[in-house]
Amino acid sequence: MRLYESCWVEIDSQDMPAQVRRDRINPAAFNVGAFQYDIDGRPMRTSPDAPRLVRVLSIQAAREAGLRQDYNENRLYGT
């Protein structure tokens, strides 16, 4: 698994995908929610209890799920 800016990932034990953002301070880190991962999707030392990333969604899978860069989970999931 390789992470990249703005990709969408499935997280173990979570129903909704999350978007990946490159960390602005540490370019080797990728932020997924409150956790940091390396380019291979492994938790960084700063996030030892980060949940496991299951897979990176393909562009087609993300589109089919209605995910976009300006994603608003409240609008999509009605909460």
N, C-alpha and C. Protein backbone atom coordinates (compact mmCIF):
# COMPACT_ATOMS: atom_id res chain seq x y z
N MET A 1 0.85 -1.17 0.00
CA MET A 1 0.00 0.00 0.00
C MET A 1 0.90 1.23 0.00
N ARG A 2 0.59 2.17 -0.85
CA ARG A 2 1.30 3.45 -0.89
C ARG A 2 0.29 4.58 -0.71
N LEU A 3 0.59 5.45 0.25
CA LEU A 3 -0.27 6.60 0.49
C LEU A 3 0.16 7.76 -0.40
N TYR A 4 -0.78 8.61 -0.73
CA TYR A 4 -0.46 9.83 -1.47
C TYR A 4 -1.48 10.89 -1.08
N GLU A 5 -1.13 12.14 -1.31
CA GLU A 5 -1.97 13.28 -0.95
C GLU A 5 -3.37 13.14 -1.54
N SER A 6 -4.36 13.31 -0.70
CA SER A 6 -5.77 13.34 -1.07
C SER A 6 -6.38 11.98 -1.41
N CYS A 7 -5.64 10.88 -1.22
CA CYS A 7 -6.26 9.59 -1.48
C CYS A 7 -7.22 9.26 -0.33
N TRP A 8 -8.06 8.29 -0.56
CA TRP A 8 -9.03 7.84 0.43
C TRP A 8 -8.64 6.45 0.88
N VAL A 9 -8.74 6.20 2.19
CA VAL A 9 -8.37 4.90 2.74
C VAL A 9 -9.50 4.34 3.58
N GLU A 10 -9.56 3.01 3.61
CA GLU A 10 -10.45 2.33 4.54
C GLU A 10 -9.63 2.02 5.78
N ILE A 11 -10.24 2.25 6.94
CA ILE A 11 -9.58 2.05 8.21
C ILE A 11 -10.24 0.88 8.93
N ASP A 12 -9.44 0.02 9.52
CA ASP A 12 -9.94 -1.13 10.25
C ASP A 12 -10.94 -0.69 11.31
N SER A 13 -12.08 -1.34 11.37
CA SER A 13 -13.14 -1.10 12.37
C SER A 13 -13.85 0.23 12.21
N GLN A 14 -13.74 0.87 11.06
CA GLN A 14 -14.49 2.11 10.82
C GLN A 14 -15.32 1.96 9.55
N ASP A 15 -16.53 2.49 9.59
CA ASP A 15 -17.44 2.36 8.46
C ASP A 15 -17.15 3.32 7.33
N MET A 16 -16.64 4.49 7.66
CA MET A 16 -16.45 5.53 6.65
C MET A 16 -14.99 5.66 6.25
N PRO A 17 -14.71 5.85 4.97
CA PRO A 17 -13.33 6.08 4.54
C PRO A 17 -12.83 7.44 5.04
N ALA A 18 -11.53 7.58 5.07
CA ALA A 18 -10.93 8.84 5.50
C ALA A 18 -9.96 9.31 4.42
N GLN A 19 -9.80 10.62 4.35
CA GLN A 19 -8.90 11.19 3.35
C GLN A 19 -7.51 11.40 3.96
N VAL A 20 -6.51 11.17 3.15
CA VAL A 20 -5.11 11.29 3.55
C VAL A 20 -4.60 12.68 3.18
N ARG A 21 -3.87 13.28 4.08
CA ARG A 21 -3.21 14.58 3.83
C ARG A 21 -1.75 14.47 4.22
N ARG A 22 -0.87 15.00 3.38
CA ARG A 22 0.55 15.03 3.72
C ARG A 22 0.75 16.05 4.82
N ASP A 23 1.56 15.70 5.81
CA ASP A 23 1.83 16.59 6.92
C ASP A 23 2.66 17.78 6.43
N ARG A 24 2.28 18.97 6.83
CA ARG A 24 2.98 20.18 6.36
C ARG A 24 4.35 20.36 7.01
N ILE A 25 4.51 19.83 8.22
CA ILE A 25 5.79 19.99 8.93
C ILE A 25 6.76 18.86 8.59
N ASN A 26 6.25 17.64 8.50
CA ASN A 26 7.08 16.48 8.21
C ASN A 26 6.62 15.86 6.89
N PRO A 27 7.30 16.12 5.79
CA PRO A 27 6.86 15.63 4.49
C PRO A 27 6.89 14.10 4.37
N ALA A 28 7.51 13.39 5.32
CA ALA A 28 7.53 11.93 5.29
C ALA A 28 6.31 11.35 5.97
N ALA A 29 5.48 12.18 6.58
CA ALA A 29 4.30 11.72 7.32
C ALA A 29 3.02 12.05 6.57
N PHE A 30 2.06 11.17 6.70
CA PHE A 30 0.74 11.37 6.12
C PHE A 30 -0.27 11.33 7.25
N ASN A 31 -1.15 12.31 7.29
CA ASN A 31 -2.16 12.41 8.34
C ASN A 31 -3.47 11.79 7.87
N VAL A 32 -4.00 10.93 8.72
CA VAL A 32 -5.33 10.34 8.51
C VAL A 32 -6.06 10.58 9.81
N GLY A 33 -6.95 11.57 9.80
CA GLY A 33 -7.59 11.97 11.05
C GLY A 33 -6.53 12.50 12.01
N ALA A 34 -6.51 11.99 13.22
CA ALA A 34 -5.56 12.44 14.24
C ALA A 34 -4.28 11.61 14.27
N PHE A 35 -4.13 10.68 13.32
CA PHE A 35 -2.99 9.76 13.33
C PHE A 35 -2.05 10.02 12.17
N GLN A 36 -0.78 9.60 12.35
CA GLN A 36 0.22 9.77 11.30
C GLN A 36 0.74 8.41 10.85
N TYR A 37 0.94 8.30 9.53
CA TYR A 37 1.42 7.08 8.91
C TYR A 37 2.57 7.42 7.98
N ASP A 38 3.42 6.41 7.68
CA ASP A 38 4.45 6.63 6.67
C ASP A 38 3.87 6.34 5.30
N ILE A 39 4.66 6.47 4.26
CA ILE A 39 4.18 6.32 2.89
C ILE A 39 3.61 4.93 2.63
N ASP A 40 4.07 3.93 3.40
CA ASP A 40 3.60 2.56 3.23
C ASP A 40 2.40 2.23 4.10
N GLY A 41 1.82 3.23 4.76
CA GLY A 41 0.62 3.02 5.56
C GLY A 41 0.87 2.45 6.94
N ARG A 42 2.11 2.50 7.40
CA ARG A 42 2.45 2.02 8.75
C ARG A 42 2.39 3.19 9.72
N PRO A 43 1.87 2.96 10.94
CA PRO A 43 1.82 4.05 11.93
C PRO A 43 3.21 4.59 12.24
N MET A 44 3.31 5.90 12.36
CA MET A 44 4.57 6.53 12.74
C MET A 44 4.74 6.40 14.25
N ARG A 45 5.96 6.65 14.73
CA ARG A 45 6.22 6.60 16.18
C ARG A 45 5.35 7.58 16.95
N THR A 46 4.92 8.64 16.31
CA THR A 46 4.06 9.64 16.97
C THR A 46 2.64 9.13 17.15
N SER A 47 2.28 8.02 16.49
CA SER A 47 0.93 7.46 16.56
C SER A 47 0.97 5.94 16.79
N PRO A 48 1.53 5.51 17.92
CA PRO A 48 1.70 4.07 18.13
C PRO A 48 0.40 3.28 18.19
N ASP A 49 -0.69 3.90 18.57
CA ASP A 49 -1.97 3.19 18.66
C ASP A 49 -2.91 3.54 17.51
N ALA A 50 -2.35 3.94 16.38
CA ALA A 50 -3.15 4.27 15.20
C ALA A 50 -3.82 3.00 14.67
N PRO A 51 -5.06 3.11 14.19
CA PRO A 51 -5.73 1.93 13.63
C PRO A 51 -5.06 1.50 12.32
N ARG A 52 -5.22 0.25 11.99
CA ARG A 52 -4.63 -0.30 10.77
C ARG A 52 -5.39 0.22 9.55
N LEU A 53 -4.64 0.63 8.53
CA LEU A 53 -5.24 1.02 7.26
C LEU A 53 -5.45 -0.24 6.45
N VAL A 54 -6.66 -0.45 5.96
CA VAL A 54 -7.00 -1.68 5.26
C VAL A 54 -6.60 -1.60 3.79
N ARG A 55 -6.98 -0.51 3.13
CA ARG A 55 -6.63 -0.35 1.71
C ARG A 55 -6.82 1.09 1.27
N VAL A 56 -6.13 1.42 0.19
CA VAL A 56 -6.32 2.70 -0.48
C VAL A 56 -7.41 2.48 -1.52
N LEU A 57 -8.41 3.34 -1.52
CA LEU A 57 -9.48 3.22 -2.51
C LEU A 57 -8.98 3.69 -3.86
N SER A 58 -9.37 2.99 -4.89
CA SER A 58 -9.04 3.43 -6.24
C SER A 58 -9.82 4.71 -6.53
N ILE A 59 -9.41 5.43 -7.53
CA ILE A 59 -10.12 6.65 -7.91
C ILE A 59 -11.55 6.30 -8.28
N GLN A 60 -11.74 5.20 -9.00
CA GLN A 60 -13.09 4.79 -9.39
C GLN A 60 -13.94 4.45 -8.17
N ALA A 61 -13.38 3.72 -7.20
CA ALA A 61 -14.13 3.36 -5.99
C ALA A 61 -14.51 4.60 -5.20
N ALA A 62 -13.60 5.57 -5.13
CA ALA A 62 -13.89 6.81 -4.40
C ALA A 62 -15.01 7.58 -5.10
N ARG A 63 -14.97 7.65 -6.41
CA ARG A 63 -16.04 8.35 -7.15
C ARG A 63 -17.38 7.65 -6.97
N GLU A 64 -17.37 6.32 -7.06
CA GLU A 64 -18.62 5.56 -6.91
C GLU A 64 -19.22 5.74 -5.52
N ALA A 65 -18.36 5.96 -4.52
CA ALA A 65 -18.83 6.19 -3.15
C ALA A 65 -19.24 7.64 -2.93
N GLY A 66 -19.04 8.50 -3.94
CA GLY A 66 -19.40 9.91 -3.83
C GLY A 66 -18.39 10.73 -3.07
N LEU A 67 -17.15 10.24 -2.96
CA LEU A 67 -16.11 10.96 -2.22
C LEU A 67 -15.38 11.92 -3.15
N ARG A 68 -15.13 13.12 -2.64
CA ARG A 68 -14.41 14.15 -3.39
C ARG A 68 -13.48 14.87 -2.43
N GLN A 69 -12.61 15.70 -2.97
CA GLN A 69 -11.70 16.46 -2.12
C GLN A 69 -12.44 17.39 -1.18
N ASP A 70 -13.56 17.93 -1.60
CA ASP A 70 -14.33 18.83 -0.75
C ASP A 70 -15.37 18.04 0.03
N TYR A 71 -15.03 16.84 0.39
CA TYR A 71 -15.89 15.89 1.08
C TYR A 71 -16.50 16.47 2.35
N ASN A 72 -17.80 16.29 2.50
CA ASN A 72 -18.51 16.72 3.71
C ASN A 72 -19.29 15.52 4.21
N GLU A 73 -18.74 14.82 5.21
CA GLU A 73 -19.35 13.57 5.66
C GLU A 73 -20.76 13.79 6.22
N ASN A 74 -21.04 14.94 6.78
CA ASN A 74 -22.38 15.20 7.30
C ASN A 74 -23.42 15.24 6.19
N ARG A 75 -23.05 15.79 5.05
CA ARG A 75 -23.98 15.86 3.93
C ARG A 75 -24.22 14.48 3.35
N LEU A 76 -23.17 13.68 3.23
CA LEU A 76 -23.29 12.36 2.60
C LEU A 76 -23.99 11.36 3.50
N TYR A 77 -23.77 11.45 4.78
CA TYR A 77 -24.30 10.43 5.68
C TYR A 77 -25.47 10.92 6.51
N GLY A 78 -25.92 12.16 6.29
CA GLY A 78 -27.12 12.66 6.92
C GLY A 78 -27.05 12.83 8.42
N THR A 79 -25.87 13.07 8.96
CA THR A 79 -25.75 13.27 10.41
C THR A 79 -25.47 14.72 10.73
